[in-house]
Amino acid sequence: MSANNNTEPSYGTVVETIGDLTGSKSWTESGRQEHVAGETEHDAARAKGYVEGTKDRITGKKDAVVGAITGDREQEVSGNVQKDKGQAQQDLNRST
């Protein structure tokens, strides 16, 4: 596993700790950079998931309302399922 291709925050923390323990400033700095890159990538993925959940909630709500108005029970139920799926995805990707 190459340090340049791994953007996991925990990997960066390990590299930083090794640098701290050995007194290697280059390892410490490299670890910090890896950690920041990993956090950034993680945050971007969460934001993308949240947006996708929002899209599913809106589309599902629209379909549920249209189904209810037109008497299309299948569309209404399908819309509610999609809305709930979107809500779950938003909850999973909500910033803490």
PDB file of N, CA and C in Angstrom:
ATOM      1  N   MET A   1       0.854  -1.167   0.000  1.00  0.00           N
ATOM      2  CA  MET A   1       0.000   0.000   0.000  1.00  0.00           C
ATOM      3  C   MET A   1       0.896   1.225   0.000  1.00  0.00           C
ATOM      4  N   SER A   2       0.666   2.104  -0.941  1.00  0.00           N
ATOM      5  CA  SER A   2       1.487   3.306  -1.089  1.00  0.00           C
ATOM      6  C   SER A   2       0.914   4.450  -0.282  1.00  0.00           C
ATOM      7  N   ALA A   3       1.769   5.185   0.420  1.00  0.00           N
ATOM      8  CA  ALA A   3       1.320   6.317   1.230  1.00  0.00           C
ATOM      9  C   ALA A   3       0.682   7.385   0.360  1.00  0.00           C
ATOM     10  N   ASN A   4       1.091   7.516  -0.876  1.00  0.00           N
ATOM     11  CA  ASN A   4       0.556   8.550  -1.756  1.00  0.00           C
ATOM     12  C   ASN A   4      -0.832   8.236  -2.274  1.00  0.00           C
ATOM     13  N   ASN A   5      -1.255   6.983  -2.189  1.00  0.00           N
ATOM     14  CA  ASN A   5      -2.559   6.592  -2.708  1.00  0.00           C
ATOM     15  C   ASN A   5      -3.581   6.338  -1.614  1.00  0.00           C
ATOM     16  N   ASN A   6      -3.192   6.478  -0.352  1.00  0.00           N
ATOM     17  CA  ASN A   6      -4.097   6.186   0.743  1.00  0.00           C
ATOM     18  C   ASN A   6      -4.516   7.476   1.420  1.00  0.00           C
ATOM     19  N   THR A   7      -5.797   7.788   1.366  1.00  0.00           N
ATOM     20  CA  THR A   7      -6.274   9.027   1.973  1.00  0.00           C
ATOM     21  C   THR A   7      -7.179   8.738   3.160  1.00  0.00           C
ATOM     22  N   GLU A   8      -6.927   7.658   3.860  1.00  0.00           N
ATOM     23  CA  GLU A   8      -7.669   7.370   5.074  1.00  0.00           C
ATOM     24  C   GLU A   8      -7.121   8.224   6.208  1.00  0.00           C
ATOM     25  N   PRO A   9      -8.009   8.895   6.952  1.00  0.00           N
ATOM     26  CA  PRO A   9      -7.533   9.715   8.070  1.00  0.00           C
ATOM     27  C   PRO A   9      -6.723   8.911   9.081  1.00  0.00           C
ATOM     28  N   SER A  10      -7.135   7.663   9.353  1.00  0.00           N
ATOM     29  CA  SER A  10      -6.421   6.852  10.339  1.00  0.00           C
ATOM     30  C   SER A  10      -5.007   6.521   9.873  1.00  0.00           C
ATOM     31  N   TYR A  11      -4.831   6.294   8.583  1.00  0.00           N
ATOM     32  CA  TYR A  11      -3.494   6.030   8.046  1.00  0.00           C
ATOM     33  C   TYR A  11      -2.598   7.243   8.290  1.00  0.00           C
ATOM     34  N   GLY A  12      -3.126   8.423   8.031  1.00  0.00           N
ATOM     35  CA  GLY A  12      -2.356   9.646   8.261  1.00  0.00           C
ATOM     36  C   GLY A  12      -1.985   9.798   9.719  1.00  0.00           C
ATOM     37  N   THR A  13      -2.899   9.440  10.601  1.00  0.00           N
ATOM     38  CA  THR A  13      -2.627   9.525  12.036  1.00  0.00           C
ATOM     39  C   THR A  13      -1.502   8.572  12.434  1.00  0.00           C
ATOM     40  N   VAL A  14      -1.504   7.364  11.880  1.00  0.00           N
ATOM     41  CA  VAL A  14      -0.445   6.391  12.174  1.00  0.00           C
ATOM     42  C   VAL A  14       0.901   6.921  11.695  1.00  0.00           C
ATOM     43  N   VAL A  15       0.944   7.437  10.471  1.00  0.00           N
ATOM     44  CA  VAL A  15       2.192   7.971   9.924  1.00  0.00           C
ATOM     45  C   VAL A  15       2.673   9.148  10.771  1.00  0.00           C
ATOM     46  N   GLU A  16       1.767  10.010  11.167  1.00  0.00           N
ATOM     47  CA  GLU A  16       2.118  11.161  11.999  1.00  0.00           C
ATOM     48  C   GLU A  16       2.680  10.696  13.348  1.00  0.00           C
ATOM     49  N   THR A  17       2.048   9.692  13.942  1.00  0.00           N
ATOM     50  CA  THR A  17       2.513   9.165  15.230  1.00  0.00           C
ATOM     51  C   THR A  17       3.906   8.560  15.110  1.00  0.00           C
ATOM     52  N   ILE A  18       4.149   7.823  14.039  1.00  0.00           N
ATOM     53  CA  ILE A  18       5.485   7.256  13.818  1.00  0.00           C
ATOM     54  C   ILE A  18       6.505   8.382  13.702  1.00  0.00           C
ATOM     55  N   GLY A  19       6.145   9.427  12.972  1.00  0.00           N
ATOM     56  CA  GLY A  19       7.037  10.580  12.845  1.00  0.00           C
ATOM     57  C   GLY A  19       7.306  11.233  14.184  1.00  0.00           C
ATOM     58  N   ASP A  20       6.267  11.365  15.007  1.00  0.00           N
ATOM     59  CA  ASP A  20       6.442  11.951  16.335  1.00  0.00           C
ATOM     60  C   ASP A  20       7.351  11.091  17.206  1.00  0.00           C
ATOM     61  N   LEU A  21       7.134   9.773  17.146  1.00  0.00           N
ATOM     62  CA  LEU A  21       7.922   8.859  17.988  1.00  0.00           C
ATOM     63  C   LEU A  21       9.382   8.779  17.562  1.00  0.00           C
ATOM     64  N   THR A  22       9.605   8.885  16.256  1.00  0.00           N
ATOM     65  CA  THR A  22      10.982   8.760  15.755  1.00  0.00           C
ATOM     66  C   THR A  22      11.671  10.105  15.584  1.00  0.00           C
ATOM     67  N   GLY A  23      10.920  11.169  15.745  1.00  0.00           N
ATOM     68  CA  GLY A  23      11.493  12.499  15.562  1.00  0.00           C
ATOM     69  C   GLY A  23      11.634  12.894  14.103  1.00  0.00           C
ATOM     70  N   SER A  24      10.959  12.173  13.219  1.00  0.00           N
ATOM     71  CA  SER A  24      11.047  12.457  11.792  1.00  0.00           C
ATOM     72  C   SER A  24      10.001  13.504  11.409  1.00  0.00           C
ATOM     73  N   LYS A  25      10.458  14.700  11.177  1.00  0.00           N
ATOM     74  CA  LYS A  25       9.535  15.783  10.822  1.00  0.00           C
ATOM     75  C   LYS A  25       8.832  15.521   9.502  1.00  0.00           C
ATOM     76  N   SER A  26       9.539  14.889   8.569  1.00  0.00           N
ATOM     77  CA  SER A  26       8.915  14.623   7.271  1.00  0.00           C
ATOM     78  C   SER A  26       7.767  13.621   7.416  1.00  0.00           C
ATOM     79  N   TRP A  27       7.933  12.608   8.265  1.00  0.00           N
ATOM     80  CA  TRP A  27       6.854  11.650   8.498  1.00  0.00           C
ATOM     81  C   TRP A  27       5.692  12.319   9.223  1.00  0.00           C
ATOM     82  N   THR A  28       6.006  13.157  10.189  1.00  0.00           N
ATOM     83  CA  THR A  28       4.956  13.857  10.929  1.00  0.00           C
ATOM     84  C   THR A  28       4.135  14.720   9.983  1.00  0.00           C
ATOM     85  N   GLU A  29       4.808  15.488   9.153  1.00  0.00           N
ATOM     86  CA  GLU A  29       4.106  16.370   8.216  1.00  0.00           C
ATOM     87  C   GLU A  29       3.337  15.562   7.173  1.00  0.00           C
ATOM     88  N   SER A  30       3.954  14.506   6.678  1.00  0.00           N
ATOM     89  CA  SER A  30       3.284  13.648   5.697  1.00  0.00           C
ATOM     90  C   SER A  30       2.021  13.037   6.311  1.00  0.00           C
ATOM     91  N   GLY A  31       2.127  12.615   7.553  1.00  0.00           N
ATOM     92  CA  GLY A  31       0.964  12.051   8.245  1.00  0.00           C
ATOM     93  C   GLY A  31      -0.148  13.066   8.407  1.00  0.00           C
ATOM     94  N   ARG A  32       0.217  14.284   8.755  1.00  0.00           N
ATOM     95  CA  ARG A  32      -0.802  15.339   8.886  1.00  0.00           C
ATOM     96  C   ARG A  32      -1.501  15.575   7.559  1.00  0.00           C
ATOM     97  N   GLN A  33      -0.718  15.635   6.493  1.00  0.00           N
ATOM     98  CA  GLN A  33      -1.298  15.870   5.169  1.00  0.00           C
ATOM     99  C   GLN A  33      -2.223  14.722   4.757  1.00  0.00           C
ATOM    100  N   GLU A  34      -1.800  13.490   5.022  1.00  0.00           N
ATOM    101  CA  GLU A  34      -2.643  12.325   4.713  1.00  0.00           C
ATOM    102  C   GLU A  34      -3.943  12.385   5.502  1.00  0.00           C
ATOM    103  N   HIS A  35      -3.839  12.758   6.770  1.00  0.00           N
ATOM    104  CA  HIS A  35      -5.022  12.841   7.620  1.00  0.00           C
ATOM    105  C   HIS A  35      -6.000  13.884   7.078  1.00  0.00           C
ATOM    106  N   VAL A  36      -5.500  15.061   6.742  1.00  0.00           N
ATOM    107  CA  VAL A  36      -6.363  16.126   6.206  1.00  0.00           C
ATOM    108  C   VAL A  36      -6.994  15.694   4.886  1.00  0.00           C
ATOM    109  N   ALA A  37      -6.203  15.071   4.023  1.00  0.00           N
ATOM    110  CA  ALA A  37      -6.735  14.608   2.735  1.00  0.00           C
ATOM    111  C   ALA A  37      -7.836  13.573   2.952  1.00  0.00           C
ATOM    112  N   GLY A  38      -7.624  12.677   3.893  1.00  0.00           N
ATOM    113  CA  GLY A  38      -8.630  11.656   4.184  1.00  0.00           C
ATOM    114  C   GLY A  38      -9.908  12.259   4.740  1.00  0.00           C
ATOM    115  N   GLU A  39      -9.765  13.223   5.638  1.00  0.00           N
ATOM    116  CA  GLU A  39     -10.949  13.898   6.197  1.00  0.00           C
ATOM    117  C   GLU A  39     -11.718  14.634   5.103  1.00  0.00           C
ATOM    118  N   THR A  40     -10.988  15.294   4.219  1.00  0.00           N
ATOM    119  CA  THR A  40     -11.622  16.033   3.129  1.00  0.00           C
ATOM    120  C   THR A  40     -12.399  15.092   2.209  1.00  0.00           C
ATOM    121  N   GLU A  41     -11.776  13.973   1.864  1.00  0.00           N
ATOM    122  CA  GLU A  41     -12.431  12.990   0.998  1.00  0.00           C
ATOM    123  C   GLU A  41     -13.683  12.423   1.682  1.00  0.00           C
ATOM    124  N   HIS A  42     -13.567  12.134   2.954  1.00  0.00           N
ATOM    125  CA  HIS A  42     -14.691  11.599   3.717  1.00  0.00           C
ATOM    126  C   HIS A  42     -15.835  12.610   3.771  1.00  0.00           C
ATOM    127  N   ASP A  43     -15.519  13.860   4.048  1.00  0.00           N
ATOM    128  CA  ASP A  43     -16.541  14.910   4.104  1.00  0.00           C
ATOM    129  C   ASP A  43     -17.228  15.100   2.754  1.00  0.00           C
ATOM    130  N   ALA A  44     -16.458  15.030   1.677  1.00  0.00           N
ATOM    131  CA  ALA A  44     -17.036  15.183   0.340  1.00  0.00           C
ATOM    132  C   ALA A  44     -18.003  14.027   0.027  1.00  0.00           C
ATOM    133  N   ALA A  45     -17.625  12.831   0.427  1.00  0.00           N
ATOM    134  CA  ALA A  45     -18.494  11.673   0.192  1.00  0.00           C
ATOM    135  C   ALA A  45     -19.788  11.793   0.996  1.00  0.00           C
ATOM    136  N   ARG A  46     -19.683  12.278   2.229  1.00  0.00           N
ATOM    137  CA  ARG A  46     -20.885  12.472   3.044  1.00  0.00           C
ATOM    138  C   ARG A  46     -21.789  13.535   2.436  1.00  0.00           C
ATOM    139  N   ALA A  47     -21.207  14.609   1.953  1.00  0.00           N
ATOM    140  CA  ALA A  47     -22.007  15.677   1.330  1.00  0.00           C
ATOM    141  C   ALA A  47     -22.732  15.147   0.099  1.00  0.00           C
ATOM    142  N   LYS A  48     -22.023  14.355  -0.700  1.00  0.00           N
ATOM    143  CA  LYS A  48     -22.633  13.777  -1.900  1.00  0.00           C
ATOM    144  C   LYS A  48     -23.793  12.857  -1.518  1.00  0.00           C
ATOM    145  N   GLY A  49     -23.596  12.031  -0.506  1.00  0.00           N
ATOM    146  CA  GLY A  49     -24.656  11.142  -0.043  1.00  0.00           C
ATOM    147  C   GLY A  49     -25.863  11.906   0.483  1.00  0.00           C
ATOM    148  N   TYR A  50     -25.598  13.006   1.169  1.00  0.00           N
ATOM    149  CA  TYR A  50     -26.686  13.828   1.709  1.00  0.00           C
ATOM    150  C   TYR A  50     -27.493  14.441   0.570  1.00  0.00           C
ATOM    151  N   VAL A  51     -26.807  14.941  -0.445  1.00  0.00           N
ATOM    152  CA  VAL A  51     -27.494  15.541  -1.601  1.00  0.00           C
ATOM    153  C   VAL A  51     -28.324  14.490  -2.335  1.00  0.00           C
ATOM    154  N   GLU A  52     -27.768  13.297  -2.504  1.00  0.00           N
ATOM    155  CA  GLU A  52     -28.517  12.227  -3.159  1.00  0.00           C
ATOM    156  C   GLU A  52     -29.763  11.862  -2.345  1.00  0.00           C
ATOM    157  N   GLY A  53     -29.630  11.847  -1.023  1.00  0.00           N
ATOM    158  CA  GLY A  53     -30.782  11.587  -0.160  1.00  0.00           C
ATOM    159  C   GLY A  53     -31.844  12.666  -0.298  1.00  0.00           C
ATOM    160  N   THR A  54     -31.406  13.915  -0.397  1.00  0.00           N
ATOM    161  CA  THR A  54     -32.341  15.028  -0.575  1.00  0.00           C
ATOM    162  C   THR A  54     -33.112  14.863  -1.876  1.00  0.00           C
ATOM    163  N   LYS A  55     -32.399  14.503  -2.921  1.00  0.00           N
ATOM    164  CA  LYS A  55     -33.042  14.293  -4.226  1.00  0.00           C
ATOM    165  C   LYS A  55     -34.088  13.181  -4.141  1.00  0.00           C
ATOM    166  N   ASP A  56     -33.747  12.075  -3.485  1.00  0.00           N
ATOM    167  CA  ASP A  56     -34.702  10.972  -3.335  1.00  0.00           C
ATOM    168  C   ASP A  56     -35.911  11.400  -2.502  1.00  0.00           C
ATOM    169  N   ARG A  57     -35.689  12.165  -1.437  1.00  0.00           N
ATOM    170  CA  ARG A  57     -36.817  12.628  -0.618  1.00  0.00           C
ATOM    171  C   ARG A  57     -37.772  13.491  -1.424  1.00  0.00           C
ATOM    172  N   ILE A  58     -37.221  14.432  -2.188  1.00  0.00           N
ATOM    173  CA  ILE A  58     -38.061  15.341  -2.967  1.00  0.00           C
ATOM    174  C   ILE A  58     -38.825  14.586  -4.056  1.00  0.00           C
ATOM    175  N   THR A  59     -38.109  13.744  -4.786  1.00  0.00           N
ATOM    176  CA  THR A  59     -38.756  12.972  -5.853  1.00  0.00           C
ATOM    177  C   THR A  59     -39.813  12.042  -5.272  1.00  0.00           C
ATOM    178  N   GLY A  60     -39.487  11.386  -4.168  1.00  0.00           N
ATOM    179  CA  GLY A  60     -40.440  10.486  -3.534  1.00  0.00           C
ATOM    180  C   GLY A  60     -41.678  11.211  -3.034  1.00  0.00           C
ATOM    181  N   LYS A  61     -41.473  12.361  -2.424  1.00  0.00           N
ATOM    182  CA  LYS A  61     -42.613  13.145  -1.930  1.00  0.00           C
ATOM    183  C   LYS A  61     -43.527  13.558  -3.085  1.00  0.00           C
ATOM    184  N   LYS A  62     -42.902  14.021  -4.188  1.00  0.00           N
ATOM    185  CA  LYS A  62     -43.672  14.415  -5.373  1.00  0.00           C
ATOM    186  C   LYS A  62     -44.488  13.234  -5.899  1.00  0.00           C
ATOM    187  N   ASP A  63     -43.839  12.078  -6.032  1.00  0.00           N
ATOM    188  CA  ASP A  63     -44.535  10.898  -6.539  1.00  0.00           C
ATOM    189  C   ASP A  63     -45.661  10.468  -5.600  1.00  0.00           C
ATOM    190  N   ALA A  64     -45.426  10.549  -4.304  1.00  0.00           N
ATOM    191  CA  ALA A  64     -46.463  10.165  -3.341  1.00  0.00           C
ATOM    192  C   ALA A  64     -47.666  11.092  -3.434  1.00  0.00           C
ATOM    193  N   VAL A  65     -47.413  12.385  -3.569  1.00  0.00           N
ATOM    194  CA  VAL A  65     -48.507  13.354  -3.665  1.00  0.00           C
ATOM    195  C   VAL A  65     -49.292  13.156  -4.965  1.00  0.00           C
ATOM    196  N   VAL A  66     -48.565  13.009  -6.070  1.00  0.00           N
ATOM    197  CA  VAL A  66     -49.232  12.790  -7.360  1.00  0.00           C
ATOM    198  C   VAL A  66     -50.048  11.507  -7.314  1.00  0.00           C
ATOM    199  N   GLY A  67     -49.486  10.464  -6.738  1.00  0.00           N
ATOM    200  CA  GLY A  67     -50.211   9.200  -6.616  1.00  0.00           C
ATOM    201  C   GLY A  67     -51.465   9.339  -5.775  1.00  0.00           C
ATOM    202  N   ALA A  68     -51.373  10.100  -4.678  1.00  0.00           N
ATOM    203  CA  ALA A  68     -52.535  10.305  -3.811  1.00  0.00           C
ATOM    204  C   ALA A  68     -53.622  11.103  -4.526  1.00  0.00           C
ATOM    205  N   ILE A  69     -53.203  12.130  -5.266  1.00  0.00           N
ATOM    206  CA  ILE A  69     -54.169  12.979  -5.975  1.00  0.00           C
ATOM    207  C   ILE A  69     -54.867  12.212  -7.100  1.00  0.00           C
ATOM    208  N   THR A  70     -54.097  11.416  -7.826  1.00  0.00           N
ATOM    209  CA  THR A  70     -54.661  10.701  -8.974  1.00  0.00           C
ATOM    210  C   THR A  70     -55.288   9.363  -8.586  1.00  0.00           C
ATOM    211  N   GLY A  71     -55.147   8.970  -7.337  1.00  0.00           N
ATOM    212  CA  GLY A  71     -55.695   7.689  -6.905  1.00  0.00           C
ATOM    213  C   GLY A  71     -54.837   6.505  -7.287  1.00  0.00           C
ATOM    214  N   ASP A  72     -53.599   6.760  -7.680  1.00  0.00           N
ATOM    215  CA  ASP A  72     -52.673   5.684  -8.046  1.00  0.00           C
ATOM    216  C   ASP A  72     -51.930   5.240  -6.785  1.00  0.00           C
ATOM    217  N   ARG A  73     -52.510   4.275  -6.119  1.00  0.00           N
ATOM    218  CA  ARG A  73     -51.971   3.803  -4.835  1.00  0.00           C
ATOM    219  C   ARG A  73     -50.551   3.261  -4.985  1.00  0.00           C
ATOM    220  N   GLU A  74     -50.276   2.583  -6.089  1.00  0.00           N
ATOM    221  CA  GLU A  74     -48.933   2.023  -6.314  1.00  0.00           C
ATOM    222  C   GLU A  74     -47.892   3.148  -6.384  1.00  0.00           C
ATOM    223  N   GLN A  75     -48.202   4.213  -7.112  1.00  0.00           N
ATOM    224  CA  GLN A  75     -47.283   5.345  -7.212  1.00  0.00           C
ATOM    225  C   GLN A  75     -47.119   6.031  -5.854  1.00  0.00           C
ATOM    226  N   GLU A  76     -48.215   6.141  -5.125  1.00  0.00           N
ATOM    227  CA  GLU A  76     -48.158   6.776  -3.807  1.00  0.00           C
ATOM    228  C   GLU A  76     -47.239   5.987  -2.862  1.00  0.00           C
ATOM    229  N   VAL A  77     -47.407   4.688  -2.830  1.00  0.00           N
ATOM    230  CA  VAL A  77     -46.591   3.834  -1.955  1.00  0.00           C
ATOM    231  C   VAL A  77     -45.134   3.858  -2.397  1.00  0.00           C
ATOM    232  N   SER A  78     -44.912   3.751  -3.691  1.00  0.00           N
ATOM    233  CA  SER A  78     -43.551   3.792  -4.228  1.00  0.00           C
ATOM    234  C   SER A  78     -42.874   5.122  -3.878  1.00  0.00           C
ATOM    235  N   GLY A  79     -43.616   6.205  -3.997  1.00  0.00           N
ATOM    236  CA  GLY A  79     -43.078   7.513  -3.650  1.00  0.00           C
ATOM    237  C   GLY A  79     -42.717   7.605  -2.175  1.00  0.00           C
ATOM    238  N   ASN A  80     -43.576   7.067  -1.328  1.00  0.00           N
ATOM    239  CA  ASN A  80     -43.287   7.082   0.103  1.00  0.00           C
ATOM    240  C   ASN A  80     -42.055   6.257   0.452  1.00  0.00           C
ATOM    241  N   VAL A  81     -41.888   5.127  -0.241  1.00  0.00           N
ATOM    242  CA  VAL A  81     -40.695   4.296  -0.015  1.00  0.00           C
ATOM    243  C   VAL A  81     -39.441   5.069  -0.428  1.00  0.00           C
ATOM    244  N   GLN A  82     -39.490   5.723  -1.575  1.00  0.00           N
ATOM    245  CA  GLN A  82     -38.342   6.492  -2.045  1.00  0.00           C
ATOM    246  C   GLN A  82     -38.053   7.664  -1.104  1.00  0.00           C
ATOM    247  N   LYS A  83     -39.095   8.312  -0.621  1.00  0.00           N
ATOM    248  CA  LYS A  83     -38.934   9.428   0.323  1.00  0.00           C
ATOM    249  C   LYS A  83     -38.262   8.937   1.606  1.00  0.00           C
ATOM    250  N   ASP A  84     -38.709   7.795   2.114  1.00  0.00           N
ATOM    251  CA  ASP A  84     -38.122   7.240   3.336  1.00  0.00           C
ATOM    252  C   ASP A  84     -36.668   6.822   3.120  1.00  0.00           C
ATOM    253  N   LYS A  85     -36.395   6.275   1.941  1.00  0.00           N
ATOM    254  CA  LYS A  85     -35.013   5.909   1.610  1.00  0.00           C
ATOM    255  C   LYS A  85     -34.131   7.158   1.595  1.00  0.00           C
ATOM    256  N   GLY A  86     -34.628   8.221   1.004  1.00  0.00           N
ATOM    257  CA  GLY A  86     -33.881   9.471   0.972  1.00  0.00           C
ATOM    258  C   GLY A  86     -33.633  10.028   2.360  1.00  0.00           C
ATOM    259  N   GLN A  87     -34.655   9.935   3.222  1.00  0.00           N
ATOM    260  CA  GLN A  87     -34.505  10.402   4.603  1.00  0.00           C
ATOM    261  C   GLN A  87     -33.418   9.605   5.320  1.00  0.00           C
ATOM    262  N   ALA A  88     -33.438   8.298   5.134  1.00  0.00           N
ATOM    263  CA  ALA A  88     -32.431   7.438   5.773  1.00  0.00           C
ATOM    264  C   ALA A  88     -31.026   7.785   5.271  1.00  0.00           C
ATOM    265  N   GLN A  89     -30.904   8.047   3.980  1.00  0.00           N
ATOM    266  CA  GLN A  89     -29.603   8.401   3.413  1.00  0.00           C
ATOM    267  C   GLN A  89     -29.138   9.758   3.954  1.00  0.00           C
ATOM    268  N   GLN A  90     -30.056  10.688   4.097  1.00  0.00           N
ATOM    269  CA  GLN A  90     -29.695  11.995   4.677  1.00  0.00           C
ATOM    270  C   GLN A  90     -29.236  11.809   6.123  1.00  0.00           C
ATOM    271  N   ASP A  91     -29.981  11.018   6.888  1.00  0.00           N
ATOM    272  CA  ASP A  91     -29.624  10.801   8.292  1.00  0.00           C
ATOM    273  C   ASP A  91     -28.240  10.172   8.413  1.00  0.00           C
ATOM    274  N   LEU A  92     -27.951   9.205   7.550  1.00  0.00           N
ATOM    275  CA  LEU A  92     -26.660   8.525   7.566  1.00  0.00           C
ATOM    276  C   LEU A  92     -25.510   9.471   7.229  1.00  0.00           C
ATOM    277  N   ASN A  93     -25.758  10.437   6.376  1.00  0.00           N
ATOM    278  CA  ASN A  93     -24.699  11.331   5.904  1.00  0.00           C
ATOM    279  C   ASN A  93     -24.737  12.724   6.529  1.00  0.00           C
ATOM    280  N   ARG A  94     -25.561  12.909   7.534  1.00  0.00           N
ATOM    281  CA  ARG A  94     -25.671  14.206   8.199  1.00  0.00           C
ATOM    282  C   ARG A  94     -24.363  14.517   8.921  1.00  0.00           C
ATOM    283  N   SER A  95     -23.928  15.770   8.827  1.00  0.00           N
ATOM    284  CA  SER A  95     -22.715  16.199   9.526  1.00  0.00           C
ATOM    285  C   SER A  95     -22.967  16.157  11.024  1.00  0.00           C
ATOM    286  N   THR A  96     -21.938  15.776  11.739  1.00  0.00           N
ATOM    287  CA  THR A  96     -22.054  15.697  13.204  1.00  0.00           C
ATOM    288  C   THR A  96     -21.362  16.844  13.867  1.00  0.00           C
TER     289      THR A  96
END
